[in-house]
Full PDB file with SEQRES, HELIX, SHEET, SSBOND, CRYST1, ORIGX, SCALE, CONECT and MASTER records, all heavy atoms in Angstrom:
SEQRES   1 A   36  THR ARG THR LYS GLU ALA MET ALA GLU VAL SER GLY VAL          
SEQRES   2 A   36  ASN LEU ASP GLU GLU ALA GLY ARG LEU ILE GLN TYR GLN          
SEQRES   3 A   36  GLN ALA TYR GLN ALA SER ALA GLN VAL ILE                      
HELIX    1 AA1 ARG A    2  SER A   11  1                                  10    
HELIX    2 AA2 LEU A   15  VAL A   35  1                                  21    
CRYST1    1.000    1.000    1.000  90.00  90.00  90.00 P 1           1          
ORIGX1      1.000000  0.000000  0.000000        0.00000                         
ORIGX2      0.000000  1.000000  0.000000        0.00000                         
ORIGX3      0.000000  0.000000  1.000000        0.00000                         
SCALE1      1.000000  0.000000  0.000000        0.00000                         
SCALE2      0.000000  1.000000  0.000000        0.00000                         
SCALE3      0.000000  0.000000  1.000000        0.00000                         
ATOM      1  N   THR A   1     -73.534-207.054 -48.766  1.00  0.00           N  
ATOM      2  CA  THR A   1     -72.910-206.319 -49.944  1.00  0.00           C  
ATOM      3  C   THR A   1     -72.950-207.140 -51.266  1.00  0.00           C  
ATOM      4  O   THR A   1     -73.322-206.705 -52.297  1.00  0.00           O  
ATOM      5  CB  THR A   1     -71.486-205.858 -49.640  1.00  0.00           C  
ATOM      6  OG1 THR A   1     -71.527-205.004 -48.515  1.00  0.00           O  
ATOM      7  CG2 THR A   1     -70.837-205.229 -50.812  1.00  0.00           C  
ATOM      8  N   ARG A   2     -72.481-208.422 -51.114  1.00  0.00           N  
ATOM      9  CA  ARG A   2     -72.485-209.307 -52.231  1.00  0.00           C  
ATOM     10  C   ARG A   2     -73.977-209.491 -52.814  1.00  0.00           C  
ATOM     11  O   ARG A   2     -74.224-209.566 -53.978  1.00  0.00           O  
ATOM     12  CB  ARG A   2     -71.963-210.646 -51.891  1.00  0.00           C  
ATOM     13  CG  ARG A   2     -70.387-210.535 -51.641  1.00  0.00           C  
ATOM     14  CD  ARG A   2     -69.767-211.964 -51.673  1.00  0.00           C  
ATOM     15  NE  ARG A   2     -70.268-212.796 -50.589  1.00  0.00           N  
ATOM     16  CZ  ARG A   2     -69.742-212.806 -49.461  1.00  0.00           C  
ATOM     17  NH1 ARG A   2     -68.616-212.082 -49.127  1.00  0.00           N  
ATOM     18  NH2 ARG A   2     -70.142-213.637 -48.433  1.00  0.00           N  
ATOM     19  N   THR A   3     -74.880-209.627 -51.844  1.00  0.00           N  
ATOM     20  CA  THR A   3     -76.296-209.778 -52.279  1.00  0.00           C  
ATOM     21  C   THR A   3     -76.847-208.605 -52.976  1.00  0.00           C  
ATOM     22  O   THR A   3     -77.636-208.588 -54.089  1.00  0.00           O  
ATOM     23  CB  THR A   3     -77.175-210.127 -51.079  1.00  0.00           C  
ATOM     24  OG1 THR A   3     -76.658-211.185 -50.343  1.00  0.00           O  
ATOM     25  CG2 THR A   3     -78.595-210.431 -51.505  1.00  0.00           C  
ATOM     26  N   LYS A   4     -76.515-207.378 -52.363  1.00  0.00           N  
ATOM     27  CA  LYS A   4     -76.903-206.158 -53.157  1.00  0.00           C  
ATOM     28  C   LYS A   4     -76.267-206.044 -54.484  1.00  0.00           C  
ATOM     29  O   LYS A   4     -76.938-205.568 -55.423  1.00  0.00           O  
ATOM     30  CB  LYS A   4     -76.546-204.916 -52.204  1.00  0.00           C  
ATOM     31  CG  LYS A   4     -77.422-204.761 -50.987  1.00  0.00           C  
ATOM     32  CD  LYS A   4     -77.095-203.556 -50.185  1.00  0.00           C  
ATOM     33  CE  LYS A   4     -77.983-203.347 -49.060  1.00  0.00           C  
ATOM     34  NZ  LYS A   4     -77.626-202.139 -48.249  1.00  0.00           N  
ATOM     35  N   GLU A   5     -75.026-206.386 -54.575  1.00  0.00           N  
ATOM     36  CA  GLU A   5     -74.343-206.324 -55.903  1.00  0.00           C  
ATOM     37  C   GLU A   5     -74.999-207.313 -56.888  1.00  0.00           C  
ATOM     38  O   GLU A   5     -75.179-206.941 -58.134  1.00  0.00           O  
ATOM     39  CB  GLU A   5     -72.826-206.703 -55.724  1.00  0.00           C  
ATOM     40  CG  GLU A   5     -72.083-205.672 -55.004  1.00  0.00           C  
ATOM     41  CD  GLU A   5     -70.621-206.112 -54.668  1.00  0.00           C  
ATOM     42  OE1 GLU A   5     -70.344-207.317 -54.903  1.00  0.00           O  
ATOM     43  OE2 GLU A   5     -69.847-205.253 -54.279  1.00  0.00           O  
ATOM     44  N   ALA A   6     -75.388-208.422 -56.421  1.00  0.00           N  
ATOM     45  CA  ALA A   6     -76.082-209.433 -57.249  1.00  0.00           C  
ATOM     46  C   ALA A   6     -77.473-208.820 -57.734  1.00  0.00           C  
ATOM     47  O   ALA A   6     -77.864-209.025 -58.911  1.00  0.00           O  
ATOM     48  CB  ALA A   6     -76.305-210.771 -56.563  1.00  0.00           C  
ATOM     49  N   MET A   7     -78.128-208.145 -56.794  1.00  0.00           N  
ATOM     50  CA  MET A   7     -79.361-207.467 -57.183  1.00  0.00           C  
ATOM     51  C   MET A   7     -79.200-206.418 -58.103  1.00  0.00           C  
ATOM     52  O   MET A   7     -80.027-206.153 -59.087  1.00  0.00           O  
ATOM     53  CB  MET A   7     -80.129-207.043 -55.867  1.00  0.00           C  
ATOM     54  CG  MET A   7     -81.528-206.713 -56.039  1.00  0.00           C  
ATOM     55  SD  MET A   7     -82.547-208.146 -56.538  1.00  0.00           S  
ATOM     56  CE  MET A   7     -84.110-207.378 -56.847  1.00  0.00           C  
ATOM     57  N   ALA A   8     -78.087-205.637 -57.951  1.00  0.00           N  
ATOM     58  CA  ALA A   8     -77.814-204.483 -58.819  1.00  0.00           C  
ATOM     59  C   ALA A   8     -77.462-204.948 -60.209  1.00  0.00           C  
ATOM     60  O   ALA A   8     -77.751-204.299 -61.253  1.00  0.00           O  
ATOM     61  CB  ALA A   8     -76.659-203.702 -58.255  1.00  0.00           C  
ATOM     62  N   GLU A   9     -76.790-206.239 -60.264  1.00  0.00           N  
ATOM     63  CA  GLU A   9     -76.598-206.746 -61.640  1.00  0.00           C  
ATOM     64  C   GLU A   9     -77.855-206.954 -62.416  1.00  0.00           C  
ATOM     65  O   GLU A   9     -77.900-206.821 -63.620  1.00  0.00           O  
ATOM     66  CB  GLU A   9     -75.838-208.077 -61.508  1.00  0.00           C  
ATOM     67  CG  GLU A   9     -74.374-207.873 -61.108  1.00  0.00           C  
ATOM     68  CD  GLU A   9     -73.503-207.323 -62.234  1.00  0.00           C  
ATOM     69  OE1 GLU A   9     -73.809-207.565 -63.353  1.00  0.00           O  
ATOM     70  OE2 GLU A   9     -72.592-206.629 -61.858  1.00  0.00           O  
ATOM     71  N   VAL A  10     -78.923-207.356 -61.659  1.00  0.00           N  
ATOM     72  CA  VAL A  10     -80.186-207.611 -62.297  1.00  0.00           C  
ATOM     73  C   VAL A  10     -81.003-206.423 -62.497  1.00  0.00           C  
ATOM     74  O   VAL A  10     -81.545-206.110 -63.558  1.00  0.00           O  
ATOM     75  CB  VAL A  10     -80.962-208.630 -61.439  1.00  0.00           C  
ATOM     76  CG1 VAL A  10     -82.395-208.884 -62.043  1.00  0.00           C  
ATOM     77  CG2 VAL A  10     -80.220-210.043 -61.385  1.00  0.00           C  
ATOM     78  N   SER A  11     -81.157-205.551 -61.370  1.00  0.00           N  
ATOM     79  CA  SER A  11     -82.081-204.446 -61.378  1.00  0.00           C  
ATOM     80  C   SER A  11     -81.485-203.020 -61.512  1.00  0.00           C  
ATOM     81  O   SER A  11     -82.189-202.085 -61.738  1.00  0.00           O  
ATOM     82  CB  SER A  11     -82.810-204.495 -60.069  1.00  0.00           C  
ATOM     83  OG  SER A  11     -83.557-205.723 -59.862  1.00  0.00           O  
ATOM     84  N   GLY A  12     -80.201-202.958 -61.389  1.00  0.00           N  
ATOM     85  CA  GLY A  12     -79.526-201.605 -61.420  1.00  0.00           C  
ATOM     86  C   GLY A  12     -79.544-201.063 -62.791  1.00  0.00           C  
ATOM     87  O   GLY A  12     -79.519-201.738 -63.822  1.00  0.00           O  
ATOM     88  N   VAL A  13     -79.504-199.720 -62.870  1.00  0.00           N  
ATOM     89  CA  VAL A  13     -79.438-198.920 -64.113  1.00  0.00           C  
ATOM     90  C   VAL A  13     -78.003-198.705 -64.352  1.00  0.00           C  
ATOM     91  O   VAL A  13     -77.265-198.062 -63.634  1.00  0.00           O  
ATOM     92  CB  VAL A  13     -80.191-197.629 -63.972  1.00  0.00           C  
ATOM     93  CG1 VAL A  13     -80.084-196.787 -65.196  1.00  0.00           C  
ATOM     94  CG2 VAL A  13     -81.774-197.880 -63.663  1.00  0.00           C  
ATOM     95  N   ASN A  14     -77.579-199.070 -65.614  1.00  0.00           N  
ATOM     96  CA  ASN A  14     -76.194-198.831 -66.099  1.00  0.00           C  
ATOM     97  C   ASN A  14     -76.279-197.702 -67.181  1.00  0.00           C  
ATOM     98  O   ASN A  14     -76.912-197.907 -68.219  1.00  0.00           O  
ATOM     99  CB  ASN A  14     -75.612-200.183 -66.741  1.00  0.00           C  
ATOM    100  CG  ASN A  14     -74.192-199.910 -67.172  1.00  0.00           C  
ATOM    101  OD1 ASN A  14     -73.804-198.937 -67.842  1.00  0.00           O  
ATOM    102  ND2 ASN A  14     -73.323-200.787 -66.736  1.00  0.00           N  
ATOM    103  N   LEU A  15     -75.770-196.589 -66.801  1.00  0.00           N  
ATOM    104  CA  LEU A  15     -75.960-195.330 -67.646  1.00  0.00           C  
ATOM    105  C   LEU A  15     -75.239-195.584 -69.001  1.00  0.00           C  
ATOM    106  O   LEU A  15     -75.778-195.104 -70.070  1.00  0.00           O  
ATOM    107  CB  LEU A  15     -75.316-194.150 -66.948  1.00  0.00           C  
ATOM    108  CG  LEU A  15     -76.123-193.589 -65.819  1.00  0.00           C  
ATOM    109  CD1 LEU A  15     -75.423-192.410 -65.185  1.00  0.00           C  
ATOM    110  CD2 LEU A  15     -77.506-193.206 -66.199  1.00  0.00           C  
ATOM    111  N   ASP A  16     -74.160-196.280 -69.063  1.00  0.00           N  
ATOM    112  CA  ASP A  16     -73.522-196.546 -70.303  1.00  0.00           C  
ATOM    113  C   ASP A  16     -74.442-197.405 -71.247  1.00  0.00           C  
ATOM    114  O   ASP A  16     -74.532-197.192 -72.409  1.00  0.00           O  
ATOM    115  CB  ASP A  16     -72.161-197.274 -70.108  1.00  0.00           C  
ATOM    116  CG  ASP A  16     -71.101-196.330 -69.480  1.00  0.00           C  
ATOM    117  OD1 ASP A  16     -71.281-195.097 -69.548  1.00  0.00           O  
ATOM    118  OD2 ASP A  16     -70.173-196.895 -68.879  1.00  0.00           O  
ATOM    119  N   GLU A  17     -74.979-198.404 -70.554  1.00  0.00           N  
ATOM    120  CA  GLU A  17     -75.895-199.312 -71.351  1.00  0.00           C  
ATOM    121  C   GLU A  17     -77.107-198.486 -71.805  1.00  0.00           C  
ATOM    122  O   GLU A  17     -77.565-198.665 -72.945  1.00  0.00           O  
ATOM    123  CB  GLU A  17     -76.297-200.493 -70.486  1.00  0.00           C  
ATOM    124  CG  GLU A  17     -77.246-201.499 -71.165  1.00  0.00           C  
ATOM    125  CD  GLU A  17     -77.583-202.615 -70.282  1.00  0.00           C  
ATOM    126  OE1 GLU A  17     -77.002-202.783 -69.251  1.00  0.00           O  
ATOM    127  OE2 GLU A  17     -78.567-203.306 -70.493  1.00  0.00           O  
ATOM    128  N   GLU A  18     -77.733-197.729 -70.962  1.00  0.00           N  
ATOM    129  CA  GLU A  18     -78.911-197.005 -71.336  1.00  0.00           C  
ATOM    130  C   GLU A  18     -78.575-195.882 -72.424  1.00  0.00           C  
ATOM    131  O   GLU A  18     -79.372-195.680 -73.304  1.00  0.00           O  
ATOM    132  CB  GLU A  18     -79.416-196.262 -70.089  1.00  0.00           C  
ATOM    133  CG  GLU A  18     -79.913-197.190 -68.986  1.00  0.00           C  
ATOM    134  CD  GLU A  18     -81.013-198.195 -69.490  1.00  0.00           C  
ATOM    135  OE1 GLU A  18     -81.895-197.747 -70.253  1.00  0.00           O  
ATOM    136  OE2 GLU A  18     -80.953-199.427 -69.002  1.00  0.00           O  
ATOM    137  N   ALA A  19     -77.381-195.316 -72.382  1.00  0.00           N  
ATOM    138  CA  ALA A  19     -76.987-194.415 -73.328  1.00  0.00           C  
ATOM    139  C   ALA A  19     -76.882-195.062 -74.731  1.00  0.00           C  
ATOM    140  O   ALA A  19     -77.322-194.580 -75.746  1.00  0.00           O  
ATOM    141  CB  ALA A  19     -75.618-193.795 -73.075  1.00  0.00           C  
ATOM    142  N   GLY A  20     -76.343-196.334 -74.741  1.00  0.00           N  
ATOM    143  CA  GLY A  20     -76.248-197.088 -75.976  1.00  0.00           C  
ATOM    144  C   GLY A  20     -77.624-197.397 -76.518  1.00  0.00           C  
ATOM    145  O   GLY A  20     -77.857-197.326 -77.750  1.00  0.00           O  
ATOM    146  N   ARG A  21     -78.572-197.757 -75.611  1.00  0.00           N  
ATOM    147  CA  ARG A  21     -79.960-198.119 -76.037  1.00  0.00           C  
ATOM    148  C   ARG A  21     -80.648-196.847 -76.548  1.00  0.00           C  
ATOM    149  O   ARG A  21     -81.395-196.818 -77.541  1.00  0.00           O  
ATOM    150  CB  ARG A  21     -80.690-198.691 -74.926  1.00  0.00           C  
ATOM    151  CG  ARG A  21     -80.235-200.092 -74.586  1.00  0.00           C  
ATOM    152  CD  ARG A  21     -81.144-200.707 -73.449  1.00  0.00           C  
ATOM    153  NE  ARG A  21     -80.687-201.999 -73.096  1.00  0.00           N  
ATOM    154  CZ  ARG A  21     -81.128-203.176 -73.696  1.00  0.00           C  
ATOM    155  NH1 ARG A  21     -81.901-203.068 -74.751  1.00  0.00           N  
ATOM    156  NH2 ARG A  21     -80.694-204.356 -73.302  1.00  0.00           N  
ATOM    157  N   LEU A  22     -80.293-195.685 -75.865  1.00  0.00           N  
ATOM    158  CA  LEU A  22     -80.964-194.509 -76.380  1.00  0.00           C  
ATOM    159  C   LEU A  22     -80.587-194.116 -77.771  1.00  0.00           C  
ATOM    160  O   LEU A  22     -81.471-193.766 -78.640  1.00  0.00           O  
ATOM    161  CB  LEU A  22     -80.482-193.336 -75.422  1.00  0.00           C  
ATOM    162  CG  LEU A  22     -81.263-192.000 -75.444  1.00  0.00           C  
ATOM    163  CD1 LEU A  22     -82.683-192.324 -74.982  1.00  0.00           C  
ATOM    164  CD2 LEU A  22     -80.647-190.988 -74.595  1.00  0.00           C  
ATOM    165  N   ILE A  23     -79.270-194.330 -78.109  1.00  0.00           N  
ATOM    166  CA  ILE A  23     -78.872-194.132 -79.561  1.00  0.00           C  
ATOM    167  C   ILE A  23     -79.477-195.081 -80.473  1.00  0.00           C  
ATOM    168  O   ILE A  23     -79.890-194.815 -81.571  1.00  0.00           O  
ATOM    169  CB  ILE A  23     -77.341-194.161 -79.560  1.00  0.00           C  
ATOM    170  CG1 ILE A  23     -76.662-192.989 -78.795  1.00  0.00           C  
ATOM    171  CG2 ILE A  23     -76.854-194.161 -81.050  1.00  0.00           C  
ATOM    172  CD1 ILE A  23     -75.184-193.092 -78.651  1.00  0.00           C  
ATOM    173  N   GLN A  24     -79.539-196.367 -79.938  1.00  0.00           N  
ATOM    174  CA  GLN A  24     -80.133-197.407 -80.817  1.00  0.00           C  
ATOM    175  C   GLN A  24     -81.601-197.117 -81.117  1.00  0.00           C  
ATOM    176  O   GLN A  24     -81.989-197.225 -82.310  1.00  0.00           O  
ATOM    177  CB  GLN A  24     -80.054-198.753 -80.032  1.00  0.00           C  
ATOM    178  CG  GLN A  24     -80.773-199.922 -80.699  1.00  0.00           C  
ATOM    179  CD  GLN A  24     -80.822-201.138 -79.786  1.00  0.00           C  
ATOM    180  OE1 GLN A  24     -80.151-201.249 -78.744  1.00  0.00           O  
ATOM    181  NE2 GLN A  24     -81.582-202.086 -80.204  1.00  0.00           N  
ATOM    182  N   TYR A  25     -82.384-196.667 -80.137  1.00  0.00           N  
ATOM    183  CA  TYR A  25     -83.790-196.453 -80.335  1.00  0.00           C  
ATOM    184  C   TYR A  25     -83.975-195.192 -81.131  1.00  0.00           C  
ATOM    185  O   TYR A  25     -84.967-195.061 -81.976  1.00  0.00           O  
ATOM    186  CB  TYR A  25     -84.506-196.402 -78.977  1.00  0.00           C  
ATOM    187  CG  TYR A  25     -84.506-197.675 -78.248  1.00  0.00           C  
ATOM    188  CD1 TYR A  25     -84.410-197.773 -76.879  1.00  0.00           C  
ATOM    189  CD2 TYR A  25     -84.647-198.879 -78.933  1.00  0.00           C  
ATOM    190  CE1 TYR A  25     -84.463-198.962 -76.129  1.00  0.00           C  
ATOM    191  CE2 TYR A  25     -84.677-200.116 -78.222  1.00  0.00           C  
ATOM    192  CZ  TYR A  25     -84.600-200.116 -76.842  1.00  0.00           C  
ATOM    193  OH  TYR A  25     -84.577-201.305 -76.129  1.00  0.00           O  
ATOM    194  N   GLN A  26     -83.086-194.278 -80.834  1.00  0.00           N  
ATOM    195  CA  GLN A  26     -83.140-192.994 -81.692  1.00  0.00           C  
ATOM    196  C   GLN A  26     -82.997-193.278 -83.182  1.00  0.00           C  
ATOM    197  O   GLN A  26     -83.762-192.771 -83.996  1.00  0.00           O  
ATOM    198  CB  GLN A  26     -82.096-191.972 -81.240  1.00  0.00           C  
ATOM    199  CG  GLN A  26     -82.065-190.694 -82.026  1.00  0.00           C  
ATOM    200  CD  GLN A  26     -80.859-189.826 -81.664  1.00  0.00           C  
ATOM    201  OE1 GLN A  26     -80.041-190.281 -81.033  1.00  0.00           O  
ATOM    202  NE2 GLN A  26     -80.878-188.574 -82.098  1.00  0.00           N  
ATOM    203  N   GLN A  27     -82.028-194.096 -83.554  1.00  0.00           N  
ATOM    204  CA  GLN A  27     -81.786-194.462 -84.882  1.00  0.00           C  
ATOM    205  C   GLN A  27     -83.021-195.278 -85.460  1.00  0.00           C  
ATOM    206  O   GLN A  27     -83.329-195.068 -86.592  1.00  0.00           O  
ATOM    207  CB  GLN A  27     -80.498-195.280 -85.000  1.00  0.00           C  
ATOM    208  CG  GLN A  27     -79.274-194.475 -84.704  1.00  0.00           C  
ATOM    209  CD  GLN A  27     -77.969-195.252 -84.662  1.00  0.00           C  
ATOM    210  OE1 GLN A  27     -78.021-196.487 -84.617  1.00  0.00           O  
ATOM    211  NE2 GLN A  27     -76.790-194.561 -84.661  1.00  0.00           N  
ATOM    212  N   ALA A  28     -83.439-196.137 -84.637  1.00  0.00           N  
ATOM    213  CA  ALA A  28     -84.615-196.888 -84.998  1.00  0.00           C  
ATOM    214  C   ALA A  28     -85.794-196.053 -85.326  1.00  0.00           C  
ATOM    215  O   ALA A  28     -86.584-196.260 -86.294  1.00  0.00           O  
ATOM    216  CB  ALA A  28     -84.911-198.045 -83.996  1.00  0.00           C  
ATOM    217  N   TYR A  29     -85.946-194.938 -84.390  1.00  0.00           N  
ATOM    218  CA  TYR A  29     -87.119-194.092 -84.500  1.00  0.00           C  
ATOM    219  C   TYR A  29     -86.950-193.306 -85.942  1.00  0.00           C  
ATOM    220  O   TYR A  29     -87.909-193.167 -86.702  1.00  0.00           O  
ATOM    221  CB  TYR A  29     -87.160-193.105 -83.467  1.00  0.00           C  
ATOM    222  CG  TYR A  29     -88.340-192.239 -83.389  1.00  0.00           C  
ATOM    223  CD1 TYR A  29     -89.586-192.671 -82.769  1.00  0.00           C  
ATOM    224  CD2 TYR A  29     -88.361-190.990 -84.011  1.00  0.00           C  
ATOM    225  CE1 TYR A  29     -90.676-191.853 -82.839  1.00  0.00           C  
ATOM    226  CE2 TYR A  29     -89.417-190.169 -83.980  1.00  0.00           C  
ATOM    227  CZ  TYR A  29     -90.615-190.583 -83.400  1.00  0.00           C  
ATOM    228  OH  TYR A  29     -91.744-189.816 -83.351  1.00  0.00           O  
ATOM    229  N   GLN A  30     -85.729-192.819 -86.116  1.00  0.00           N  
ATOM    230  CA  GLN A  30     -85.447-192.031 -87.391  1.00  0.00           C  
ATOM    231  C   GLN A  30     -85.672-192.968 -88.532  1.00  0.00           C  
ATOM    232  O   GLN A  30     -86.222-192.503 -89.610  1.00  0.00           O  
ATOM    233  CB  GLN A  30     -84.005-191.520 -87.362  1.00  0.00           C  
ATOM    234  CG  GLN A  30     -83.817-190.458 -86.337  1.00  0.00           C  
ATOM    235  CD  GLN A  30     -82.355-190.058 -86.151  1.00  0.00           C  
ATOM    236  OE1 GLN A  30     -81.476-190.828 -86.542  1.00  0.00           O  
ATOM    237  NE2 GLN A  30     -82.208-188.734 -85.586  1.00  0.00           N  
ATOM    238  N   ALA A  31     -85.241-194.249 -88.450  1.00  0.00           N  
ATOM    239  CA  ALA A  31     -85.464-195.130 -89.621  1.00  0.00           C  
ATOM    240  C   ALA A  31     -86.909-195.399 -89.928  1.00  0.00           C  
ATOM    241  O   ALA A  31     -87.337-195.460 -91.051  1.00  0.00           O  
ATOM    242  CB  ALA A  31     -84.697-196.453 -89.412  1.00  0.00           C  
ATOM    243  N   SER A  32     -87.717-195.517 -88.879  1.00  0.00           N  
ATOM    244  CA  SER A  32     -89.161-195.688 -89.040  1.00  0.00           C  
ATOM    245  C   SER A  32     -89.773-194.542 -89.665  1.00  0.00           C  
ATOM    246  O   SER A  32     -90.707-194.582 -90.502  1.00  0.00           O  
ATOM    247  CB  SER A  32     -89.814-195.980 -87.607  1.00  0.00           C  
ATOM    248  OG  SER A  32     -89.389-197.254 -87.154  1.00  0.00           O  
ATOM    249  N   ALA A  33     -89.296-193.325 -89.301  1.00  0.00           N  
ATOM    250  CA  ALA A  33     -89.863-192.148 -89.882  1.00  0.00           C  
ATOM    251  C   ALA A  33     -89.471-192.116 -91.291  1.00  0.00           C  
ATOM    252  O   ALA A  33     -90.236-191.658 -92.162  1.00  0.00           O  
ATOM    253  CB  ALA A  33     -89.227-190.892 -89.134  1.00  0.00           C  
ATOM    254  N   GLN A  34     -88.284-192.590 -91.645  1.00  0.00           N  
ATOM    255  CA  GLN A  34     -87.836-192.602 -93.100  1.00  0.00           C  
ATOM    256  C   GLN A  34     -88.809-193.567 -93.906  1.00  0.00           C  
ATOM    257  O   GLN A  34     -89.133-193.289 -95.047  1.00  0.00           O  
ATOM    258  CB  GLN A  34     -86.425-193.038 -93.164  1.00  0.00           C  
ATOM    259  CG  GLN A  34     -85.830-192.969 -94.558  1.00  0.00           C  
ATOM    260  CD  GLN A  34     -85.759-191.573 -95.086  1.00  0.00           C  
ATOM    261  OE1 GLN A  34     -85.614-190.558 -94.372  1.00  0.00           O  
ATOM    262  NE2 GLN A  34     -86.062-191.403 -96.392  1.00  0.00           N  
ATOM    263  N   VAL A  35     -89.126-194.735 -93.291  1.00  0.00           N  
ATOM    264  CA  VAL A  35     -90.066-195.592 -93.859  1.00  0.00           C  
ATOM    265  C   VAL A  35     -91.391-194.954 -94.199  1.00  0.00           C  
ATOM    266  O   VAL A  35     -91.957-195.120 -95.297  1.00  0.00           O  
ATOM    267  CB  VAL A  35     -90.292-196.864 -93.022  1.00  0.00           C  
ATOM    268  CG1 VAL A  35     -91.425-197.713 -93.568  1.00  0.00           C  
ATOM    269  CG2 VAL A  35     -89.045-197.702 -92.857  1.00  0.00           C  
ATOM    270  N   ILE A  36     -91.831-194.107 -93.319  1.00  0.00           N  
ATOM    271  CA  ILE A  36     -93.099-193.461 -93.515  1.00  0.00           C  
ATOM    272  C   ILE A  36     -92.907-192.415 -94.678  1.00  0.00           C  
ATOM    273  O   ILE A  36     -93.844-192.279 -95.515  1.00  0.00           O  
ATOM    274  CB  ILE A  36     -93.573-192.693 -92.206  1.00  0.00           C  
ATOM    275  CG1 ILE A  36     -93.948-193.713 -91.155  1.00  0.00           C  
ATOM    276  CG2 ILE A  36     -94.792-191.744 -92.480  1.00  0.00           C  
ATOM    277  CD1 ILE A  36     -94.281-193.206 -89.872  1.00  0.00           C  
TER     278      ILE A  36                                                      
MASTER        0    0    0    2    0    0    0    6  277    1    0    3          
END                                                                             
C-alpha cells in the first residue's frame, strides 16, 4: 500500500491539479489569441 501510494504521488492524476492547469492553459491560450 505504501509503495502504491508513493507511485501514485508520482504517476497518479490529481483532478484538482489538472483543473487548475486546465484554467491556466485556457487563459494562456486566450492570451496567445489576443497577441495574434
